[in-house]
Amino acid sequence: MATRKYEQRLRAETAEETRRRILDAVYARLREAPAEPVSVDRIAKLARVARPTVYLVFGSRAGLFDAVGADLLQRGGFERILHASADPDAREGLRGAIRGVVEMYAAHRDVLRVLSSMALLDAAAVGGAIQRLEHGRASGMAHLARRLADQGALRPDVTADHATDILWLLTSFDSFDLLHTGREMPADKVATTLITTAKHSLLQ
């Protein structure tokens, strides 16, 4: 029995290592050749696995990119963003959420830029990665806006729905990248700028 459990654990560890190598290969390929389509053959070669292994692990090319989206959330600290936005004081939650989102974007800027561009051209395959990120962000910003409203933090002329729209805009990757890349702002200054804009636009 002990031998069987050891073998099962070993297989599970090997499977996770293979999965990690394939995901890392996608990141590497996106960074080294952002203008080229991502080929499963090329990913398999970079990950040192057979092409069928990629499909065995992820099911399809779309499944691979969906897993990339989930991995970006985990590696980008999405749990920390959720924790920060859940501060009992919704105003502090707003600051923490925006700062956390900016840190996640900054850590994976190059990959996110390529995925965002690819999603427009290959939505069926690549869109899943972006959809996963955007779905989490949409839910989080709506929840934060409701908390601000419930705590009376919003200006009288700002509804929770309007606050959700503004937060959706300010926490988008494009808003971050226009300042970070377009204006050459360091990430901490981007966060401060977006937080200040949210405060002046929404809060009393």
Protein backbone atom coordinates (compact mmCIF):
# COMPACT_ATOMS: atom_id res chain seq x y z
CA MET A 1 0.00 0.00 0.00
CA ALA A 2 2.81 2.41 0.91
CA THR A 3 4.57 1.66 -2.38
CA ARG A 4 1.38 2.30 -4.37
CA LYS A 5 0.82 5.67 -2.67
CA TYR A 6 4.42 6.64 -3.35
CA GLU A 7 4.05 5.75 -7.02
CA GLN A 8 0.80 7.73 -7.24
CA ARG A 9 2.45 10.76 -5.64
CA LEU A 10 5.41 10.45 -7.98
CA ARG A 11 3.13 10.33 -11.02
CA ALA A 12 1.21 13.35 -9.78
CA GLU A 13 4.44 15.29 -9.22
CA THR A 14 5.69 14.32 -12.67
CA ALA A 15 2.41 15.39 -14.27
CA GLU A 16 2.53 18.76 -12.49
CA GLU A 17 6.15 19.29 -13.56
CA THR A 18 5.16 18.58 -17.17
CA ARG A 19 2.23 20.97 -16.93
CA ARG A 20 4.49 23.66 -15.47
CA ARG A 21 7.08 23.22 -18.23
CA ILE A 22 4.42 23.60 -20.92
CA LEU A 23 2.99 26.77 -19.34
CA ASP A 24 6.48 28.23 -18.92
CA ALA A 25 7.14 27.44 -22.58
CA VAL A 26 4.08 29.48 -23.57
CA TYR A 27 5.34 32.45 -21.54
CA ALA A 28 8.79 32.15 -23.09
CA ARG A 29 7.38 31.95 -26.61
CA LEU A 30 5.10 34.96 -26.10
CA ARG A 31 8.05 37.02 -24.89
CA GLU A 32 10.57 35.95 -27.53
CA ALA A 33 8.26 36.14 -30.56
CA PRO A 34 5.27 38.35 -29.70
CA ALA A 35 4.34 38.94 -33.35
CA GLU A 36 4.20 35.26 -34.30
CA PRO A 37 1.28 32.83 -33.82
CA VAL A 38 1.81 30.41 -30.95
CA SER A 39 2.27 26.94 -32.40
CA VAL A 40 1.56 23.87 -30.29
CA ASP A 41 4.47 22.16 -32.05
CA ARG A 42 6.81 24.95 -30.97
CA ILE A 43 5.49 24.92 -27.40
CA ALA A 44 5.97 21.16 -27.20
CA LYS A 45 9.54 21.50 -28.43
CA LEU A 46 10.36 24.25 -25.92
CA ALA A 47 8.80 22.21 -23.10
CA ARG A 48 10.65 19.06 -24.21
CA VAL A 49 7.48 17.02 -24.56
CA ALA A 50 5.72 15.30 -27.45
CA ARG A 51 3.01 17.30 -29.22
CA PRO A 52 0.24 14.89 -28.10
CA THR A 53 1.29 15.49 -24.49
CA VAL A 54 0.17 19.12 -24.75
CA TYR A 55 -3.28 17.98 -25.83
CA LEU A 56 -3.34 15.24 -23.21
CA VAL A 57 -2.68 17.77 -20.45
CA PHE A 58 -4.81 20.69 -21.69
CA GLY A 59 -7.29 19.13 -24.09
CA SER A 60 -6.91 21.69 -26.87
CA ARG A 61 -5.06 24.84 -27.86
CA ALA A 62 -7.90 26.87 -26.35
CA GLY A 63 -7.60 24.83 -23.16
CA LEU A 64 -3.89 25.62 -23.04
CA PHE A 65 -4.52 29.35 -23.20
CA ASP A 66 -7.34 29.11 -20.69
CA ALA A 67 -4.84 27.50 -18.33
CA VAL A 68 -2.41 30.34 -19.05
CA GLY A 69 -5.10 32.80 -17.94
CA ALA A 70 -5.67 30.91 -14.70
CA ASP A 71 -1.94 30.68 -14.11
CA LEU A 72 -1.51 34.41 -14.65
CA LEU A 73 -4.12 35.09 -11.98
CA GLN A 74 -2.36 32.81 -9.54
CA ARG A 75 1.16 34.02 -10.27
CA GLY A 76 0.06 37.64 -10.47
CA GLY A 77 -1.26 37.58 -6.92
CA PHE A 78 -5.00 37.61 -7.57
CA GLU A 79 -5.60 36.26 -4.07
CA ARG A 80 -3.71 39.24 -2.64
CA ILE A 81 -5.89 41.58 -4.69
CA LEU A 82 -9.03 39.94 -3.33
CA HIS A 83 -7.70 40.20 0.21
CA ALA A 84 -6.79 43.86 -0.23
CA SER A 85 -10.16 44.77 -1.75
CA ALA A 86 -11.95 43.05 1.15
CA ASP A 87 -10.59 45.55 3.71
CA PRO A 88 -13.41 46.52 6.10
CA ASP A 89 -12.95 50.12 4.98
CA ALA A 90 -14.08 50.17 1.34
CA ARG A 91 -11.88 53.20 0.65
CA GLU A 92 -8.83 51.19 1.68
CA GLY A 93 -10.17 48.30 -0.37
CA LEU A 94 -10.25 50.58 -3.40
CA ARG A 95 -6.63 51.62 -2.93
CA GLY A 96 -5.49 48.05 -2.32
CA ALA A 97 -7.38 46.63 -5.29
CA ILE A 98 -6.01 49.17 -7.76
CA ARG A 99 -2.47 48.82 -6.44
CA GLY A 100 -2.72 45.03 -6.61
CA VAL A 101 -4.04 45.06 -10.18
CA VAL A 102 -1.21 47.37 -11.28
CA GLU A 103 1.38 45.10 -9.65
CA MET A 104 -0.08 42.09 -11.47
CA TYR A 105 -0.01 43.91 -14.80
CA ALA A 106 3.55 45.13 -14.24
CA ALA A 107 4.81 41.65 -13.36
CA HIS A 108 3.41 40.15 -16.59
CA ARG A 109 3.18 43.18 -18.87
CA ASP A 110 4.79 41.65 -21.96
CA VAL A 111 2.72 38.47 -21.84
CA LEU A 112 -0.52 40.35 -21.20
CA ARG A 113 0.13 42.75 -24.07
CA VAL A 114 0.63 39.87 -26.50
CA LEU A 115 -2.39 37.94 -25.21
CA SER A 116 -4.60 41.03 -25.44
CA SER A 117 -3.57 41.59 -29.04
CA MET A 118 -3.86 37.92 -29.97
CA ALA A 119 -7.33 37.66 -28.44
CA LEU A 120 -8.64 40.10 -31.05
CA LEU A 121 -7.33 37.94 -33.89
CA ASP A 122 -7.78 34.45 -32.43
CA ALA A 123 -10.62 34.78 -29.94
CA ALA A 124 -11.65 31.12 -30.12
CA ALA A 125 -8.29 29.93 -28.84
CA VAL A 126 -6.63 32.79 -27.01
CA GLY A 127 -9.75 34.61 -25.85
CA GLY A 128 -10.23 32.24 -22.92
CA ALA A 129 -7.12 33.53 -21.17
CA ILE A 130 -8.26 37.15 -21.40
CA GLN A 131 -11.88 36.29 -20.59
CA ARG A 132 -10.82 34.59 -17.37
CA LEU A 133 -8.87 37.66 -16.29
CA GLU A 134 -11.62 40.07 -17.28
CA HIS A 135 -14.40 38.08 -15.64
CA GLY A 136 -12.58 38.15 -12.31
CA ARG A 137 -11.89 41.87 -12.65
CA ALA A 138 -15.50 42.68 -13.57
CA SER A 139 -16.88 40.82 -10.56
CA GLY A 140 -14.35 42.39 -8.24
CA MET A 141 -14.99 45.95 -9.38
CA ALA A 142 -18.78 45.54 -9.15
CA HIS A 143 -18.46 44.19 -5.61
CA LEU A 144 -16.12 47.01 -4.62
CA ALA A 145 -18.47 49.64 -6.05
CA ARG A 146 -21.39 48.21 -4.06
CA ARG A 147 -19.32 48.28 -0.88
CA LEU A 148 -18.37 51.91 -1.48
CA ALA A 149 -22.05 52.73 -1.99
CA ASP A 150 -23.14 50.81 1.11
CA GLN A 151 -20.58 52.68 3.24
CA GLY A 152 -21.68 56.07 1.90
CA ALA A 153 -18.28 56.72 0.36
CA LEU A 154 -19.54 57.62 -3.12
CA ARG A 155 -20.38 61.16 -4.14
CA PRO A 156 -24.15 61.88 -4.18
CA ASP A 157 -24.18 62.05 -7.99
CA VAL A 158 -22.37 58.69 -8.40
CA THR A 159 -24.35 55.45 -8.43
CA ALA A 160 -22.87 52.02 -7.79
CA ASP A 161 -23.34 51.17 -11.47
CA HIS A 162 -21.49 54.30 -12.55
CA ALA A 163 -18.72 53.58 -10.05
CA THR A 164 -18.43 50.08 -11.48
CA ASP A 165 -17.96 51.52 -14.98
CA ILE A 166 -15.26 53.94 -13.80
CA LEU A 167 -13.42 51.26 -11.83
CA TRP A 168 -13.65 48.93 -14.83
CA LEU A 169 -11.97 51.61 -16.95
CA LEU A 170 -9.27 52.52 -14.44
CA THR A 171 -8.27 48.93 -13.68
CA SER A 172 -8.05 47.83 -17.31
CA PHE A 173 -4.75 46.64 -18.73
CA ASP A 174 -4.92 49.35 -21.39
CA SER A 175 -5.23 52.10 -18.75
CA PHE A 176 -2.19 50.69 -17.00
CA ASP A 177 -0.16 50.28 -20.18
CA LEU A 178 -0.92 53.74 -21.56
CA LEU A 179 0.72 55.19 -18.48
CA HIS A 180 3.40 52.55 -17.87
CA THR A 181 4.59 52.15 -21.45
CA GLY A 182 3.16 55.19 -23.21
CA ARG A 183 4.13 57.68 -20.51
CA GLU A 184 7.06 55.63 -19.15
CA MET A 185 5.69 55.73 -15.61
CA PRO A 186 6.99 53.26 -13.03
CA ALA A 187 4.33 50.92 -11.69
CA ASP A 188 4.07 52.60 -8.30
CA LYS A 189 3.38 55.97 -9.93
CA VAL A 190 0.80 54.37 -12.23
CA ALA A 191 -0.97 52.97 -9.17
CA THR A 192 -0.91 56.35 -7.41
CA THR A 193 -2.25 58.11 -10.51
CA LEU A 194 -5.12 55.65 -10.95
CA ILE A 195 -5.99 55.71 -7.24
CA THR A 196 -6.05 59.51 -7.24
CA THR A 197 -8.24 59.54 -10.35
CA ALA A 198 -10.68 57.07 -8.78
CA LYS A 199 -10.79 59.11 -5.58
CA HIS A 200 -11.50 62.39 -7.36
CA SER A 201 -14.03 60.80 -9.72
CA LEU A 202 -16.01 58.73 -7.24
CA LEU A 203 -15.49 59.52 -3.57
CA GLN A 204 -16.81 62.22 -1.32
